[in-house]
């Protein structure tokens, strides 16, 4: 539902911003998808 959507969308955006800031994602590279960012994640959102 909405709470998971809010968490996933923002978390993906933050990780992509950090990846570009650290030079891991170059200008020509596409952003990581949400599934990429959550690969291996176990999370509880309450």
ModelCIF file with pLDDT and N, C-alpha, C, O atoms, coordinates in Angstrom:
data_MODEL
#
_entry.id   MODEL 
#
_entity.id                         1 
_entity.type                       polymer 
_entity.pdbx_number_of_molecules   1 
#
_entity_poly.entity_id                      1 
_entity_poly.type                           'polypeptide(L)' 
_entity_poly.nstd_linkage                   no 
_entity_poly.nstd_monomer                   no 
_entity_poly.pdbx_seq_one_letter_code       
;(UNK)(UNK)(UNK)(UNK)(UNK)(UNK)(UNK)(UNK)(UNK)(UNK)(UNK)(UNK)(UNK)(UNK)(UNK)(UNK)
(UNK)(UNK)(UNK)(UNK)(UNK)(UNK)(UNK)(UNK)(UNK)(UNK)(UNK)(UNK)(UNK)(UNK)(UNK)(UNK)
(UNK)(UNK)(UNK)(UNK)(UNK)(UNK)(UNK)(UNK)(UNK)(UNK)(UNK)(UNK)(UNK)(UNK)
;
_entity_poly.pdbx_seq_one_letter_code_can   XXXXXXXXXXXXXXXXXXXXXXXXXXXXXXXXXXXXXXXXXXXXXX 
_entity_poly.pdbx_strand_id                 A 
#
loop_
_entity_poly_seq.entity_id 
_entity_poly_seq.num 
_entity_poly_seq.mon_id 
_entity_poly_seq.hetero 
1 1  UNK n 
1 2  UNK n 
1 3  UNK n 
1 4  UNK n 
1 5  UNK n 
1 6  UNK n 
1 7  UNK n 
1 8  UNK n 
1 9  UNK n 
1 10 UNK n 
1 11 UNK n 
1 12 UNK n 
1 13 UNK n 
1 14 UNK n 
1 15 UNK n 
1 16 UNK n 
1 17 UNK n 
1 18 UNK n 
1 19 UNK n 
1 20 UNK n 
1 21 UNK n 
1 22 UNK n 
1 23 UNK n 
1 24 UNK n 
1 25 UNK n 
1 26 UNK n 
1 27 UNK n 
1 28 UNK n 
1 29 UNK n 
1 30 UNK n 
1 31 UNK n 
1 32 UNK n 
1 33 UNK n 
1 34 UNK n 
1 35 UNK n 
1 36 UNK n 
1 37 UNK n 
1 38 UNK n 
1 39 UNK n 
1 40 UNK n 
1 41 UNK n 
1 42 UNK n 
1 43 UNK n 
1 44 UNK n 
1 45 UNK n 
1 46 UNK n 
#
_struct_asym.id          A 
_struct_asym.entity_id   1 
#
loop_
_ma_qa_metric.id 
_ma_qa_metric.mode 
_ma_qa_metric.name 
_ma_qa_metric.software_group_id 
_ma_qa_metric.type 
1 global pLDDT . pLDDT 
2 local  pLDDT . pLDDT 
#
_ma_qa_metric_global.metric_id      1 
_ma_qa_metric_global.metric_value   93.87 
_ma_qa_metric_global.model_id       1 
_ma_qa_metric_global.ordinal_id     1 
#
loop_
_ma_qa_metric_local.label_asym_id 
_ma_qa_metric_local.label_comp_id 
_ma_qa_metric_local.label_seq_id 
_ma_qa_metric_local.metric_id 
_ma_qa_metric_local.metric_value 
_ma_qa_metric_local.model_id 
_ma_qa_metric_local.ordinal_id 
A UNK 1  2 90.00 1 1  
A UNK 2  2 93.00 1 2  
A UNK 3  2 96.00 1 3  
A UNK 4  2 96.00 1 4  
A UNK 5  2 95.00 1 5  
A UNK 6  2 96.00 1 6  
A UNK 7  2 97.00 1 7  
A UNK 8  2 96.00 1 8  
A UNK 9  2 96.00 1 9  
A UNK 10 2 97.00 1 10 
A UNK 11 2 97.00 1 11 
A UNK 12 2 97.00 1 12 
A UNK 13 2 96.00 1 13 
A UNK 14 2 97.00 1 14 
A UNK 15 2 96.00 1 15 
A UNK 16 2 96.00 1 16 
A UNK 17 2 95.00 1 17 
A UNK 18 2 96.00 1 18 
A UNK 19 2 95.00 1 19 
A UNK 20 2 94.00 1 20 
A UNK 21 2 93.00 1 21 
A UNK 22 2 93.00 1 22 
A UNK 23 2 92.00 1 23 
A UNK 24 2 92.00 1 24 
A UNK 25 2 90.00 1 25 
A UNK 26 2 89.00 1 26 
A UNK 27 2 87.00 1 27 
A UNK 28 2 89.00 1 28 
A UNK 29 2 90.00 1 29 
A UNK 30 2 91.00 1 30 
A UNK 31 2 94.00 1 31 
A UNK 32 2 94.00 1 32 
A UNK 33 2 93.00 1 33 
A UNK 34 2 93.00 1 34 
A UNK 35 2 90.00 1 35 
A UNK 36 2 92.00 1 36 
A UNK 37 2 95.00 1 37 
A UNK 38 2 94.00 1 38 
A UNK 39 2 89.00 1 39 
A UNK 40 2 91.00 1 40 
A UNK 41 2 95.00 1 41 
A UNK 42 2 95.00 1 42 
A UNK 43 2 96.00 1 43 
A UNK 44 2 97.00 1 44 
A UNK 45 2 97.00 1 45 
A UNK 46 2 96.00 1 46 
#
loop_
_atom_site.group_PDB 
_atom_site.id 
_atom_site.type_symbol 
_atom_site.label_atom_id 
_atom_site.label_alt_id 
_atom_site.label_comp_id 
_atom_site.label_asym_id 
_atom_site.label_entity_id 
_atom_site.label_seq_id 
_atom_site.pdbx_PDB_ins_code 
_atom_site.Cartn_x 
_atom_site.Cartn_y 
_atom_site.Cartn_z 
_atom_site.occupancy 
_atom_site.B_iso_or_equiv 
_atom_site.pdbx_formal_charge 
_atom_site.auth_seq_id 
_atom_site.auth_comp_id 
_atom_site.auth_asym_id 
_atom_site.auth_atom_id 
_atom_site.pdbx_PDB_model_num 
ATOM 1   N N  . UNK A 1 1  ? 0.809  -1.208 0.000   1.00 90.00 ? 1  UNK A N  1 
ATOM 2   C CA . UNK A 1 1  ? 0.000  0.000  0.000   1.00 90.00 ? 1  UNK A CA 1 
ATOM 3   C C  . UNK A 1 1  ? 0.840  1.254  0.000   1.00 90.00 ? 1  UNK A C  1 
ATOM 4   O O  . UNK A 1 1  ? 2.025  1.229  -0.333  1.00 90.00 ? 1  UNK A O  1 
ATOM 5   N N  . UNK A 1 2  ? 0.210  2.356  0.379   1.00 93.00 ? 2  UNK A N  1 
ATOM 6   C CA . UNK A 1 2  ? 0.816  3.678  0.238   1.00 93.00 ? 2  UNK A CA 1 
ATOM 7   C C  . UNK A 1 2  ? 2.098  3.824  1.053   1.00 93.00 ? 2  UNK A C  1 
ATOM 8   O O  . UNK A 1 2  ? 3.053  4.433  0.571   1.00 93.00 ? 2  UNK A O  1 
ATOM 9   N N  . UNK A 1 3  ? 2.151  3.288  2.268   1.00 96.00 ? 3  UNK A N  1 
ATOM 10  C CA . UNK A 1 3  ? 3.347  3.452  3.098   1.00 96.00 ? 3  UNK A CA 1 
ATOM 11  C C  . UNK A 1 3  ? 4.564  2.789  2.470   1.00 96.00 ? 3  UNK A C  1 
ATOM 12  O O  . UNK A 1 3  ? 5.671  3.324  2.534   1.00 96.00 ? 3  UNK A O  1 
ATOM 13  N N  . UNK A 1 4  ? 4.356  1.607  1.853   1.00 96.00 ? 4  UNK A N  1 
ATOM 14  C CA . UNK A 1 4  ? 5.481  0.934  1.181   1.00 96.00 ? 4  UNK A CA 1 
ATOM 15  C C  . UNK A 1 4  ? 5.901  1.692  -0.074  1.00 96.00 ? 4  UNK A C  1 
ATOM 16  O O  . UNK A 1 4  ? 7.086  1.781  -0.393  1.00 96.00 ? 4  UNK A O  1 
ATOM 17  N N  . UNK A 1 5  ? 4.916  2.235  -0.775  1.00 95.00 ? 5  UNK A N  1 
ATOM 18  C CA . UNK A 1 5  ? 5.240  3.024  -1.969  1.00 95.00 ? 5  UNK A CA 1 
ATOM 19  C C  . UNK A 1 5  ? 6.086  4.238  -1.591  1.00 95.00 ? 5  UNK A C  1 
ATOM 20  O O  . UNK A 1 5  ? 7.073  4.540  -2.262  1.00 95.00 ? 5  UNK A O  1 
ATOM 21  N N  . UNK A 1 6  ? 5.702  4.939  -0.513  1.00 96.00 ? 6  UNK A N  1 
ATOM 22  C CA . UNK A 1 6  ? 6.465  6.108  -0.069  1.00 96.00 ? 6  UNK A CA 1 
ATOM 23  C C  . UNK A 1 6  ? 7.883  5.747  0.316   1.00 96.00 ? 6  UNK A C  1 
ATOM 24  O O  . UNK A 1 6  ? 8.824  6.456  -0.041  1.00 96.00 ? 6  UNK A O  1 
ATOM 25  N N  . UNK A 1 7  ? 8.049  4.649  1.044   1.00 97.00 ? 7  UNK A N  1 
ATOM 26  C CA . UNK A 1 7  ? 9.388  4.213  1.447   1.00 97.00 ? 7  UNK A CA 1 
ATOM 27  C C  . UNK A 1 7  ? 10.232 3.830  0.237   1.00 97.00 ? 7  UNK A C  1 
ATOM 28  O O  . UNK A 1 7  ? 11.363 4.293  0.090   1.00 97.00 ? 7  UNK A O  1 
ATOM 29  N N  . UNK A 1 8  ? 9.680  2.984  -0.624  1.00 96.00 ? 8  UNK A N  1 
ATOM 30  C CA . UNK A 1 8  ? 10.448 2.477  -1.762  1.00 96.00 ? 8  UNK A CA 1 
ATOM 31  C C  . UNK A 1 8  ? 10.871 3.600  -2.710  1.00 96.00 ? 8  UNK A C  1 
ATOM 32  O O  . UNK A 1 8  ? 12.025 3.660  -3.134  1.00 96.00 ? 8  UNK A O  1 
ATOM 33  N N  . UNK A 1 9  ? 9.935  4.482  -3.036  1.00 96.00 ? 9  UNK A N  1 
ATOM 34  C CA . UNK A 1 9  ? 10.232 5.562  -3.978  1.00 96.00 ? 9  UNK A CA 1 
ATOM 35  C C  . UNK A 1 9  ? 11.340 6.466  -3.446  1.00 96.00 ? 9  UNK A C  1 
ATOM 36  O O  . UNK A 1 9  ? 12.294 6.778  -4.160  1.00 96.00 ? 9  UNK A O  1 
ATOM 37  N N  . UNK A 1 10 ? 11.209 6.883  -2.192  1.00 97.00 ? 10 UNK A N  1 
ATOM 38  C CA . UNK A 1 10 ? 12.200 7.791  -1.613  1.00 97.00 ? 10 UNK A CA 1 
ATOM 39  C C  . UNK A 1 10 ? 13.543 7.104  -1.429  1.00 97.00 ? 10 UNK A C  1 
ATOM 40  O O  . UNK A 1 10 ? 14.585 7.694  -1.717  1.00 97.00 ? 10 UNK A O  1 
ATOM 41  N N  . UNK A 1 11 ? 13.532 5.868  -0.956  1.00 97.00 ? 11 UNK A N  1 
ATOM 42  C CA . UNK A 1 11 ? 14.782 5.149  -0.728  1.00 97.00 ? 11 UNK A CA 1 
ATOM 43  C C  . UNK A 1 11 ? 15.557 4.980  -2.038  1.00 97.00 ? 11 UNK A C  1 
ATOM 44  O O  . UNK A 1 11 ? 16.772 5.170  -2.078  1.00 97.00 ? 11 UNK A O  1 
ATOM 45  N N  . UNK A 1 12 ? 14.843 4.621  -3.101  1.00 97.00 ? 12 UNK A N  1 
ATOM 46  C CA . UNK A 1 12 ? 15.487 4.463  -4.408  1.00 97.00 ? 12 UNK A CA 1 
ATOM 47  C C  . UNK A 1 12 ? 16.094 5.783  -4.868  1.00 97.00 ? 12 UNK A C  1 
ATOM 48  O O  . UNK A 1 12 ? 17.220 5.808  -5.365  1.00 97.00 ? 12 UNK A O  1 
ATOM 49  N N  . UNK A 1 13 ? 15.359 6.874  -4.708  1.00 96.00 ? 13 UNK A N  1 
ATOM 50  C CA . UNK A 1 13 ? 15.849 8.191  -5.111  1.00 96.00 ? 13 UNK A CA 1 
ATOM 51  C C  . UNK A 1 13 ? 17.104 8.586  -4.329  1.00 96.00 ? 13 UNK A C  1 
ATOM 52  O O  . UNK A 1 13 ? 18.058 9.105  -4.908  1.00 96.00 ? 13 UNK A O  1 
ATOM 53  N N  . UNK A 1 14 ? 17.104 8.341  -3.018  1.00 97.00 ? 14 UNK A N  1 
ATOM 54  C CA . UNK A 1 14 ? 18.256 8.692  -2.174  1.00 97.00 ? 14 UNK A CA 1 
ATOM 55  C C  . UNK A 1 14 ? 19.492 7.893  -2.578  1.00 97.00 ? 14 UNK A C  1 
ATOM 56  O O  . UNK A 1 14 ? 20.585 8.451  -2.679  1.00 97.00 ? 14 UNK A O  1 
ATOM 57  N N  . UNK A 1 15 ? 19.326 6.595  -2.808  1.00 96.00 ? 15 UNK A N  1 
ATOM 58  C CA . UNK A 1 15 ? 20.475 5.746  -3.168  1.00 96.00 ? 15 UNK A CA 1 
ATOM 59  C C  . UNK A 1 15 ? 21.041 6.155  -4.522  1.00 96.00 ? 15 UNK A C  1 
ATOM 60  O O  . UNK A 1 15 ? 22.259 6.178  -4.700  1.00 96.00 ? 15 UNK A O  1 
ATOM 61  N N  . UNK A 1 16 ? 20.176 6.476  -5.477  1.00 96.00 ? 16 UNK A N  1 
ATOM 62  C CA . UNK A 1 16 ? 20.661 6.931  -6.780  1.00 96.00 ? 16 UNK A CA 1 
ATOM 63  C C  . UNK A 1 16 ? 21.428 8.252  -6.655  1.00 96.00 ? 16 UNK A C  1 
ATOM 64  O O  . UNK A 1 16 ? 22.452 8.447  -7.309  1.00 96.00 ? 16 UNK A O  1 
ATOM 65  N N  . UNK A 1 17 ? 20.927 9.145  -5.816  1.00 95.00 ? 17 UNK A N  1 
ATOM 66  C CA . UNK A 1 17 ? 21.617 10.433 -5.614  1.00 95.00 ? 17 UNK A CA 1 
ATOM 67  C C  . UNK A 1 17 ? 23.006 10.202 -5.002  1.00 95.00 ? 17 UNK A C  1 
ATOM 68  O O  . UNK A 1 17 ? 23.980 10.817 -5.435  1.00 95.00 ? 17 UNK A O  1 
ATOM 69  N N  . UNK A 1 18 ? 23.099 9.331  -4.013  1.00 96.00 ? 18 UNK A N  1 
ATOM 70  C CA . UNK A 1 18 ? 24.395 9.019  -3.411  1.00 96.00 ? 18 UNK A CA 1 
ATOM 71  C C  . UNK A 1 18 ? 25.331 8.358  -4.423  1.00 96.00 ? 18 UNK A C  1 
ATOM 72  O O  . UNK A 1 18 ? 26.523 8.663  -4.463  1.00 96.00 ? 18 UNK A O  1 
ATOM 73  N N  . UNK A 1 19 ? 24.782 7.439  -5.253  1.00 95.00 ? 19 UNK A N  1 
ATOM 74  C CA . UNK A 1 19 ? 25.608 6.730  -6.230  1.00 95.00 ? 19 UNK A CA 1 
ATOM 75  C C  . UNK A 1 19 ? 26.221 7.711  -7.233  1.00 95.00 ? 19 UNK A C  1 
ATOM 76  O O  . UNK A 1 19 ? 27.362 7.527  -7.657  1.00 95.00 ? 19 UNK A O  1 
ATOM 77  N N  . UNK A 1 20 ? 25.487 8.730  -7.607  1.00 94.00 ? 20 UNK A N  1 
ATOM 78  C CA . UNK A 1 20 ? 26.024 9.735  -8.546  1.00 94.00 ? 20 UNK A CA 1 
ATOM 79  C C  . UNK A 1 20 ? 27.017 10.658 -7.823  1.00 94.00 ? 20 UNK A C  1 
ATOM 80  O O  . UNK A 1 20 ? 28.043 11.047 -8.382  1.00 94.00 ? 20 UNK A O  1 
ATOM 81  N N  . UNK A 1 21 ? 26.695 10.990 -6.595  1.00 93.00 ? 21 UNK A N  1 
ATOM 82  C CA . UNK A 1 21 ? 27.584 11.860 -5.822  1.00 93.00 ? 21 UNK A CA 1 
ATOM 83  C C  . UNK A 1 21 ? 28.947 11.200 -5.592  1.00 93.00 ? 21 UNK A C  1 
ATOM 84  O O  . UNK A 1 21 ? 29.979 11.871 -5.582  1.00 93.00 ? 21 UNK A O  1 
ATOM 85  N N  . UNK A 1 22 ? 28.935 9.876  -5.408  1.00 93.00 ? 22 UNK A N  1 
ATOM 86  C CA . UNK A 1 22 ? 30.179 9.136  -5.169  1.00 93.00 ? 22 UNK A CA 1 
ATOM 87  C C  . UNK A 1 22 ? 30.862 8.704  -6.462  1.00 93.00 ? 22 UNK A C  1 
ATOM 88  O O  . UNK A 1 22 ? 31.943 8.116  -6.423  1.00 93.00 ? 22 UNK A O  1 
ATOM 89  N N  . UNK A 1 23 ? 30.247 8.987  -7.601  1.00 92.00 ? 23 UNK A N  1 
ATOM 90  C CA . UNK A 1 23 ? 30.852 8.647  -8.888  1.00 92.00 ? 23 UNK A CA 1 
ATOM 91  C C  . UNK A 1 23 ? 30.652 7.209  -9.307  1.00 92.00 ? 23 UNK A C  1 
ATOM 92  O O  . UNK A 1 23 ? 31.248 6.764  -10.287 1.00 92.00 ? 23 UNK A O  1 
ATOM 93  N N  . UNK A 1 24 ? 29.824 6.473  -8.585  1.00 92.00 ? 24 UNK A N  1 
ATOM 94  C CA . UNK A 1 24 ? 29.562 5.066  -8.938  1.00 92.00 ? 24 UNK A CA 1 
ATOM 95  C C  . UNK A 1 24 ? 28.666 4.999  -10.172 1.00 92.00 ? 24 UNK A C  1 
ATOM 96  O O  . UNK A 1 24 ? 28.858 4.148  -11.040 1.00 92.00 ? 24 UNK A O  1 
ATOM 97  N N  . UNK A 1 25 ? 27.693 5.896  -10.244 1.00 90.00 ? 25 UNK A N  1 
ATOM 98  C CA . UNK A 1 25 ? 26.892 6.045  -11.462 1.00 90.00 ? 25 UNK A CA 1 
ATOM 99  C C  . UNK A 1 25 ? 27.404 7.259  -12.228 1.00 90.00 ? 25 UNK A C  1 
ATOM 100 O O  . UNK A 1 25 ? 27.422 8.374  -11.707 1.00 90.00 ? 25 UNK A O  1 
ATOM 101 N N  . UNK A 1 26 ? 27.821 7.027  -13.473 1.00 89.00 ? 26 UNK A N  1 
ATOM 102 C CA . UNK A 1 26 ? 28.307 8.121  -14.321 1.00 89.00 ? 26 UNK A CA 1 
ATOM 103 C C  . UNK A 1 26 ? 27.124 8.826  -14.993 1.00 89.00 ? 26 UNK A C  1 
ATOM 104 O O  . UNK A 1 26 ? 25.988 8.358  -14.929 1.00 89.00 ? 26 UNK A O  1 
ATOM 105 N N  . UNK A 1 27 ? 27.410 9.940  -15.627 1.00 87.00 ? 27 UNK A N  1 
ATOM 106 C CA . UNK A 1 27 ? 26.359 10.752 -16.244 1.00 87.00 ? 27 UNK A CA 1 
ATOM 107 C C  . UNK A 1 27 ? 25.580 9.968  -17.286 1.00 87.00 ? 27 UNK A C  1 
ATOM 108 O O  . UNK A 1 27 ? 24.368 10.133 -17.426 1.00 87.00 ? 27 UNK A O  1 
ATOM 109 N N  . UNK A 1 28 ? 26.291 9.111  -18.020 1.00 89.00 ? 28 UNK A N  1 
ATOM 110 C CA . UNK A 1 28 ? 25.635 8.353  -19.104 1.00 89.00 ? 28 UNK A CA 1 
ATOM 111 C C  . UNK A 1 28 ? 24.862 7.137  -18.560 1.00 89.00 ? 28 UNK A C  1 
ATOM 112 O O  . UNK A 1 28 ? 24.030 6.568  -19.268 1.00 89.00 ? 28 UNK A O  1 
ATOM 113 N N  . UNK A 1 29 ? 25.128 6.747  -17.333 1.00 90.00 ? 29 UNK A N  1 
ATOM 114 C CA . UNK A 1 29 ? 24.484 5.557  -16.767 1.00 90.00 ? 29 UNK A CA 1 
ATOM 115 C C  . UNK A 1 29 ? 23.031 5.832  -16.395 1.00 90.00 ? 29 UNK A C  1 
ATOM 116 O O  . UNK A 1 29 ? 22.679 6.921  -15.942 1.00 90.00 ? 29 UNK A O  1 
ATOM 117 N N  . UNK A 1 30 ? 22.199 4.812  -16.602 1.00 91.00 ? 30 UNK A N  1 
ATOM 118 C CA . UNK A 1 30 ? 20.806 4.901  -16.142 1.00 91.00 ? 30 UNK A CA 1 
ATOM 119 C C  . UNK A 1 30 ? 20.761 4.700  -14.632 1.00 91.00 ? 30 UNK A C  1 
ATOM 120 O O  . UNK A 1 30 ? 21.643 4.066  -14.053 1.00 91.00 ? 30 UNK A O  1 
ATOM 121 N N  . UNK A 1 31 ? 19.745 5.235  -14.016 1.00 94.00 ? 31 UNK A N  1 
ATOM 122 C CA . UNK A 1 31 ? 19.570 5.047  -12.580 1.00 94.00 ? 31 UNK A CA 1 
ATOM 123 C C  . UNK A 1 31 ? 19.341 3.581  -12.240 1.00 94.00 ? 31 UNK A C  1 
ATOM 124 O O  . UNK A 1 31 ? 18.896 2.803  -13.084 1.00 94.00 ? 31 UNK A O  1 
ATOM 125 N N  . UNK A 1 32 ? 19.650 3.205  -10.990 1.00 94.00 ? 32 UNK A N  1 
ATOM 126 C CA . UNK A 1 32 ? 19.251 1.899  -10.496 1.00 94.00 ? 32 UNK A CA 1 
ATOM 127 C C  . UNK A 1 32 ? 17.734 1.866  -10.409 1.00 94.00 ? 32 UNK A C  1 
ATOM 128 O O  . UNK A 1 32 ? 17.112 2.872  -10.067 1.00 94.00 ? 32 UNK A O  1 
ATOM 129 N N  . UNK A 1 33 ? 17.136 0.732  -10.710 1.00 93.00 ? 33 UNK A N  1 
ATOM 130 C CA . UNK A 1 33 ? 15.692 0.581  -10.524 1.00 93.00 ? 33 UNK A CA 1 
ATOM 131 C C  . UNK A 1 33 ? 15.404 0.317  -9.050  1.00 93.00 ? 33 UNK A C  1 
ATOM 132 O O  . UNK A 1 33 ? 16.314 0.042  -8.268  1.00 93.00 ? 33 UNK A O  1 
ATOM 133 N N  . UNK A 1 34 ? 14.133 0.402  -8.683  1.00 93.00 ? 34 UNK A N  1 
ATOM 134 C CA . UNK A 1 34 ? 13.752 0.093  -7.311  1.00 93.00 ? 34 UNK A CA 1 
ATOM 135 C C  . UNK A 1 34 ? 14.108 -1.333 -6.941  1.00 93.00 ? 34 UNK A C  1 
ATOM 136 O O  . UNK A 1 34 ? 14.558 -1.595 -5.825  1.00 93.00 ? 34 UNK A O  1 
ATOM 137 N N  . UNK A 1 35 ? 13.907 -2.268 -7.882  1.00 90.00 ? 35 UNK A N  1 
ATOM 138 C CA . UNK A 1 35 ? 14.242 -3.666 -7.624  1.00 90.00 ? 35 UNK A CA 1 
ATOM 139 C C  . UNK A 1 35 ? 15.745 -3.833 -7.411  1.00 90.00 ? 35 UNK A C  1 
ATOM 140 O O  . UNK A 1 35 ? 16.170 -4.628 -6.573  1.00 90.00 ? 35 UNK A O  1 
ATOM 141 N N  . UNK A 1 36 ? 16.553 -3.081 -8.173  1.00 92.00 ? 36 UNK A N  1 
ATOM 142 C CA . UNK A 1 36 ? 18.014 -3.122 -7.982  1.00 92.00 ? 36 UNK A CA 1 
ATOM 143 C C  . UNK A 1 36 ? 18.373 -2.702 -6.559  1.00 92.00 ? 36 UNK A C  1 
ATOM 144 O O  . UNK A 1 36 ? 19.138 -3.376 -5.870  1.00 92.00 ? 36 UNK A O  1 
ATOM 145 N N  . UNK A 1 37 ? 17.810 -1.584 -6.138  1.00 95.00 ? 37 UNK A N  1 
ATOM 146 C CA . UNK A 1 37 ? 18.158 -1.000 -4.840  1.00 95.00 ? 37 UNK A CA 1 
ATOM 147 C C  . UNK A 1 37 ? 17.721 -1.889 -3.686  1.00 95.00 ? 37 UNK A C  1 
ATOM 148 O O  . UNK A 1 37 ? 18.384 -1.936 -2.650  1.00 95.00 ? 37 UNK A O  1 
ATOM 149 N N  . UNK A 1 38 ? 16.611 -2.590 -3.859  1.00 94.00 ? 38 UNK A N  1 
ATOM 150 C CA . UNK A 1 38 ? 16.095 -3.436 -2.777  1.00 94.00 ? 38 UNK A CA 1 
ATOM 151 C C  . UNK A 1 38 ? 16.574 -4.879 -2.866  1.00 94.00 ? 38 UNK A C  1 
ATOM 152 O O  . UNK A 1 38 ? 16.148 -5.721 -2.076  1.00 94.00 ? 38 UNK A O  1 
ATOM 153 N N  . UNK A 1 39 ? 17.438 -5.166 -3.800  1.00 89.00 ? 39 UNK A N  1 
ATOM 154 C CA . UNK A 1 39 ? 17.975 -6.522 -3.925  1.00 89.00 ? 39 UNK A CA 1 
ATOM 155 C C  . UNK A 1 39 ? 18.689 -6.925 -2.631  1.00 89.00 ? 39 UNK A C  1 
ATOM 156 O O  . UNK A 1 39 ? 19.656 -6.279 -2.229  1.00 89.00 ? 39 UNK A O  1 
ATOM 157 N N  . UNK A 1 40 ? 18.215 -7.989 -1.983  1.00 91.00 ? 40 UNK A N  1 
ATOM 158 C CA . UNK A 1 40 ? 18.818 -8.457 -0.744  1.00 91.00 ? 40 UNK A CA 1 
ATOM 159 C C  . UNK A 1 40 ? 18.265 -7.802 0.502   1.00 91.00 ? 40 UNK A C  1 
ATOM 160 O O  . UNK A 1 40 ? 18.682 -8.147 1.608   1.00 91.00 ? 40 UNK A O  1 
ATOM 161 N N  . UNK A 1 41 ? 17.332 -6.861 0.360   1.00 95.00 ? 41 UNK A N  1 
ATOM 162 C CA . UNK A 1 41 ? 16.811 -6.118 1.520   1.00 95.00 ? 41 UNK A CA 1 
ATOM 163 C C  . UNK A 1 41 ? 15.721 -6.891 2.257   1.00 95.00 ? 41 UNK A C  1 
ATOM 164 O O  . UNK A 1 41 ? 14.814 -7.452 1.641   1.00 95.00 ? 41 UNK A O  1 
ATOM 165 N N  . UNK A 1 42 ? 15.823 -6.910 3.565   1.00 95.00 ? 42 UNK A N  1 
ATOM 166 C CA . UNK A 1 42 ? 14.718 -7.295 4.439   1.00 95.00 ? 42 UNK A CA 1 
ATOM 167 C C  . UNK A 1 42 ? 14.331 -6.039 5.208   1.00 95.00 ? 42 UNK A C  1 
ATOM 168 O O  . UNK A 1 42 ? 15.178 -5.421 5.853   1.00 95.00 ? 42 UNK A O  1 
ATOM 169 N N  . UNK A 1 43 ? 13.060 -5.656 5.146   1.00 96.00 ? 43 UNK A N  1 
ATOM 170 C CA . UNK A 1 43 ? 12.641 -4.413 5.789   1.00 96.00 ? 43 UNK A CA 1 
ATOM 171 C C  . UNK A 1 43 ? 11.281 -4.580 6.442   1.00 96.00 ? 43 UNK A C  1 
ATOM 172 O O  . UNK A 1 43 ? 10.436 -5.336 5.963   1.00 96.00 ? 43 UNK A O  1 
ATOM 173 N N  . UNK A 1 44 ? 11.080 -3.864 7.542   1.00 97.00 ? 44 UNK A N  1 
ATOM 174 C CA . UNK A 1 44 ? 9.774  -3.765 8.184   1.00 97.00 ? 44 UNK A CA 1 
ATOM 175 C C  . UNK A 1 44 ? 9.421  -2.287 8.264   1.00 97.00 ? 44 UNK A C  1 
ATOM 176 O O  . UNK A 1 44 ? 10.158 -1.496 8.852   1.00 97.00 ? 44 UNK A O  1 
ATOM 177 N N  . UNK A 1 45 ? 8.299  -1.924 7.672   1.00 97.00 ? 45 UNK A N  1 
ATOM 178 C CA . UNK A 1 45 ? 7.823  -0.536 7.722   1.00 97.00 ? 45 UNK A CA 1 
ATOM 179 C C  . UNK A 1 45 ? 6.517  -0.539 8.502   1.00 97.00 ? 45 UNK A C  1 
ATOM 180 O O  . UNK A 1 45 ? 5.539  -1.162 8.089   1.00 97.00 ? 45 UNK A O  1 
ATOM 181 N N  . UNK A 1 46 ? 6.506  0.152  9.619   1.00 96.00 ? 46 UNK A N  1 
ATOM 182 C CA . UNK A 1 46 ? 5.324  0.188  10.478  1.00 96.00 ? 46 UNK A CA 1 
ATOM 183 C C  . UNK A 1 46 ? 4.862  1.632  10.647  1.00 96.00 ? 46 UNK A C  1 
ATOM 184 O O  . UNK A 1 46 ? 3.876  1.888  11.337  1.00 96.00 ? 46 UNK A O  1 
#
